[in-house]
Amino acid sequence: MSALVTVGLAVIAAVAAWGCTLAHASACIARLRAEMQREIAHWQDEAVRARLHAAQVARDAATWAKGRQQGREDVMTVLVAVQERLSGPSLAADDISNS
């Protein structure tokens, strides 16, 4: 009878150990899934921030290029005006002296 009790207790111990192992593994899996979801959410947020930053950089680059082009046009306008002023009176003086 004691052998039968020993076998019974061994089966109960094995089932209890299996149950504890299963519960521990389930808890680890749940913890790892939660951690994975947090990490996925973090990297999704980072991707959104990176996209927003890239869009801002693209807007800034376009604005800078437009401003640079406008600045070039302004400089050319000033240079043409200066050249006209410098050449205008001297031509008029030459015309007056030739007359």
C-alpha atoms as a PDB file:
ATOM      1  CA  MET A   1       0.000   0.000   0.000  1.00  0.00           C
ATOM      2  CA  SER A   2       2.834   2.357   0.703  1.00  0.00           C
ATOM      3  CA  ALA A   3       4.116   1.891  -2.876  1.00  0.00           C
ATOM      4  CA  LEU A   4       0.708   2.874  -4.192  1.00  0.00           C
ATOM      5  CA  VAL A   5       0.678   5.983  -1.982  1.00  0.00           C
ATOM      6  CA  THR A   6       4.207   6.841  -3.122  1.00  0.00           C
ATOM      7  CA  VAL A   7       3.224   6.531  -6.776  1.00  0.00           C
ATOM      8  CA  GLY A   8       0.104   8.625  -6.152  1.00  0.00           C
ATOM      9  CA  LEU A   9       2.093  11.335  -4.371  1.00  0.00           C
ATOM     10  CA  ALA A  10       4.657  11.309  -7.190  1.00  0.00           C
ATOM     11  CA  VAL A  11       1.878  11.814  -9.747  1.00  0.00           C
ATOM     12  CA  ILE A  12       0.374  14.619  -7.660  1.00  0.00           C
ATOM     13  CA  ALA A  13       3.818  16.237  -7.308  1.00  0.00           C
ATOM     14  CA  ALA A  14       4.435  15.957 -11.061  1.00  0.00           C
ATOM     15  CA  VAL A  15       1.052  17.520 -11.871  1.00  0.00           C
ATOM     16  CA  ALA A  16       1.657  20.289  -9.306  1.00  0.00           C
ATOM     17  CA  ALA A  17       5.137  20.958 -10.735  1.00  0.00           C
ATOM     18  CA  TRP A  18       3.715  21.015 -14.267  1.00  0.00           C
ATOM     19  CA  GLY A  19       0.974  23.429 -13.144  1.00  0.00           C
ATOM     20  CA  CYS A  20       3.471  25.739 -11.424  1.00  0.00           C
ATOM     21  CA  THR A  21       5.752  25.656 -14.477  1.00  0.00           C
ATOM     22  CA  LEU A  22       2.821  26.400 -16.770  1.00  0.00           C
ATOM     23  CA  ALA A  23       1.689  29.311 -14.586  1.00  0.00           C
ATOM     24  CA  HIS A  24       5.237  30.718 -14.453  1.00  0.00           C
ATOM     25  CA  ALA A  25       5.691  30.366 -18.223  1.00  0.00           C
ATOM     26  CA  SER A  26       2.311  32.018 -18.875  1.00  0.00           C
ATOM     27  CA  ALA A  27       3.252  34.925 -16.598  1.00  0.00           C
ATOM     28  CA  CYS A  28       6.622  35.327 -18.373  1.00  0.00           C
ATOM     29  CA  ILE A  29       4.962  35.255 -21.769  1.00  0.00           C
ATOM     30  CA  ALA A  30       2.381  37.842 -20.689  1.00  0.00           C
ATOM     31  CA  ARG A  31       5.139  40.083 -19.266  1.00  0.00           C
ATOM     32  CA  LEU A  32       7.210  39.761 -22.449  1.00  0.00           C
ATOM     33  CA  ARG A  33       4.175  40.508 -24.631  1.00  0.00           C
ATOM     34  CA  ALA A  34       3.399  43.638 -22.594  1.00  0.00           C
ATOM     35  CA  GLU A  35       7.035  44.734 -22.851  1.00  0.00           C
ATOM     36  CA  MET A  36       6.999  44.064 -26.594  1.00  0.00           C
ATOM     37  CA  GLN A  37       3.811  46.126 -27.010  1.00  0.00           C
ATOM     38  CA  ARG A  38       5.373  49.020 -25.071  1.00  0.00           C
ATOM     39  CA  GLU A  39       8.475  48.853 -27.239  1.00  0.00           C
ATOM     40  CA  ILE A  40       6.395  48.728 -30.432  1.00  0.00           C
ATOM     41  CA  ALA A  41       4.404  51.753 -29.260  1.00  0.00           C
ATOM     42  CA  HIS A  42       7.642  53.570 -28.417  1.00  0.00           C
ATOM     43  CA  TRP A  43       9.138  52.960 -31.862  1.00  0.00           C
ATOM     44  CA  GLN A  44       5.882  53.864 -33.587  1.00  0.00           C
ATOM     45  CA  ASP A  45       5.915  57.169 -31.693  1.00  0.00           C
ATOM     46  CA  GLU A  46       9.552  57.677 -32.677  1.00  0.00           C
ATOM     47  CA  ALA A  47       8.665  56.999 -36.320  1.00  0.00           C
ATOM     48  CA  VAL A  48       5.874  59.586 -36.188  1.00  0.00           C
ATOM     49  CA  ARG A  49       8.258  62.119 -34.631  1.00  0.00           C
ATOM     50  CA  ALA A  50      10.873  61.334 -37.287  1.00  0.00           C
ATOM     51  CA  ARG A  51       8.320  61.796 -40.087  1.00  0.00           C
ATOM     52  CA  LEU A  52       7.223  65.127 -38.606  1.00  0.00           C
ATOM     53  CA  HIS A  53      10.827  66.242 -38.269  1.00  0.00           C
ATOM     54  CA  ALA A  54      11.590  65.198 -41.863  1.00  0.00           C
ATOM     55  CA  ALA A  55       8.563  67.135 -43.093  1.00  0.00           C
ATOM     56  CA  GLN A  56       9.689  70.197 -41.114  1.00  0.00           C
ATOM     57  CA  VAL A  57      13.207  69.909 -42.548  1.00  0.00           C
ATOM     58  CA  ALA A  58      11.769  69.637 -46.070  1.00  0.00           C
ATOM     59  CA  ARG A  59       9.619  72.746 -45.484  1.00  0.00           C
ATOM     60  CA  ASP A  60      12.606  74.617 -44.073  1.00  0.00           C
ATOM     61  CA  ALA A  61      14.760  73.605 -47.042  1.00  0.00           C
ATOM     62  CA  ALA A  62      12.090  74.756 -49.492  1.00  0.00           C
ATOM     63  CA  THR A  63      11.681  78.039 -47.636  1.00  0.00           C
ATOM     64  CA  TRP A  64      15.448  78.551 -47.542  1.00  0.00           C
ATOM     65  CA  ALA A  65      15.754  77.818 -51.272  1.00  0.00           C
ATOM     66  CA  LYS A  66      12.927  80.225 -52.051  1.00  0.00           C
ATOM     67  CA  GLY A  67      14.499  82.906 -49.862  1.00  0.00           C
ATOM     68  CA  ARG A  68      17.885  82.327 -51.445  1.00  0.00           C
ATOM     69  CA  GLN A  69      16.383  82.696 -54.907  1.00  0.00           C
ATOM     70  CA  GLN A  70      14.589  85.877 -53.832  1.00  0.00           C
ATOM     71  CA  GLY A  71      17.841  87.155 -52.343  1.00  0.00           C
ATOM     72  CA  ARG A  72      19.671  86.469 -55.592  1.00  0.00           C
ATOM     73  CA  GLU A  73      17.011  88.348 -57.524  1.00  0.00           C
ATOM     74  CA  ASP A  74      17.255  91.251 -55.078  1.00  0.00           C
ATOM     75  CA  VAL A  75      21.039  91.353 -55.405  1.00  0.00           C
ATOM     76  CA  MET A  76      20.794  91.282 -59.198  1.00  0.00           C
ATOM     77  CA  THR A  77      18.251  94.127 -59.095  1.00  0.00           C
ATOM     78  CA  VAL A  78      20.547  96.183 -56.877  1.00  0.00           C
ATOM     79  CA  LEU A  79      23.559  95.462 -59.101  1.00  0.00           C
ATOM     80  CA  VAL A  80      21.657  96.458 -62.226  1.00  0.00           C
ATOM     81  CA  ALA A  81      20.463  99.656 -60.533  1.00  0.00           C
ATOM     82  CA  VAL A  82      23.992 100.485 -59.380  1.00  0.00           C
ATOM     83  CA  GLN A  83      25.378  99.796 -62.839  1.00  0.00           C
ATOM     84  CA  GLU A  84      22.710 101.993 -64.422  1.00  0.00           C
ATOM     85  CA  ARG A  85      23.481 104.778 -61.964  1.00  0.00           C
ATOM     86  CA  LEU A  86      27.192 104.493 -62.594  1.00  0.00           C
ATOM     87  CA  SER A  87      26.886 104.324 -66.360  1.00  0.00           C
ATOM     88  CA  GLY A  88      23.930 106.711 -66.683  1.00  0.00           C
ATOM     89  CA  PRO A  89      25.525 110.015 -65.585  1.00  0.00           C
ATOM     90  CA  SER A  90      28.804 109.289 -67.344  1.00  0.00           C
ATOM     91  CA  LEU A  91      26.971 108.658 -70.604  1.00  0.00           C
ATOM     92  CA  ALA A  92      25.013 111.830 -70.098  1.00  0.00           C
ATOM     93  CA  ALA A  93      28.229 113.727 -69.371  1.00  0.00           C
ATOM     94  CA  ASP A  94      29.810 112.265 -72.487  1.00  0.00           C
ATOM     95  CA  ASP A  95      26.763 113.213 -74.511  1.00  0.00           C
ATOM     96  CA  ILE A  96      26.870 116.777 -73.157  1.00  0.00           C
ATOM     97  CA  SER A  97      30.585 117.180 -73.804  1.00  0.00           C
ATOM     98  CA  ASN A  98      30.249 115.781 -77.360  1.00  0.00           C
ATOM     99  CA  SER A  99      27.448 118.187 -78.220  1.00  0.00           C
END
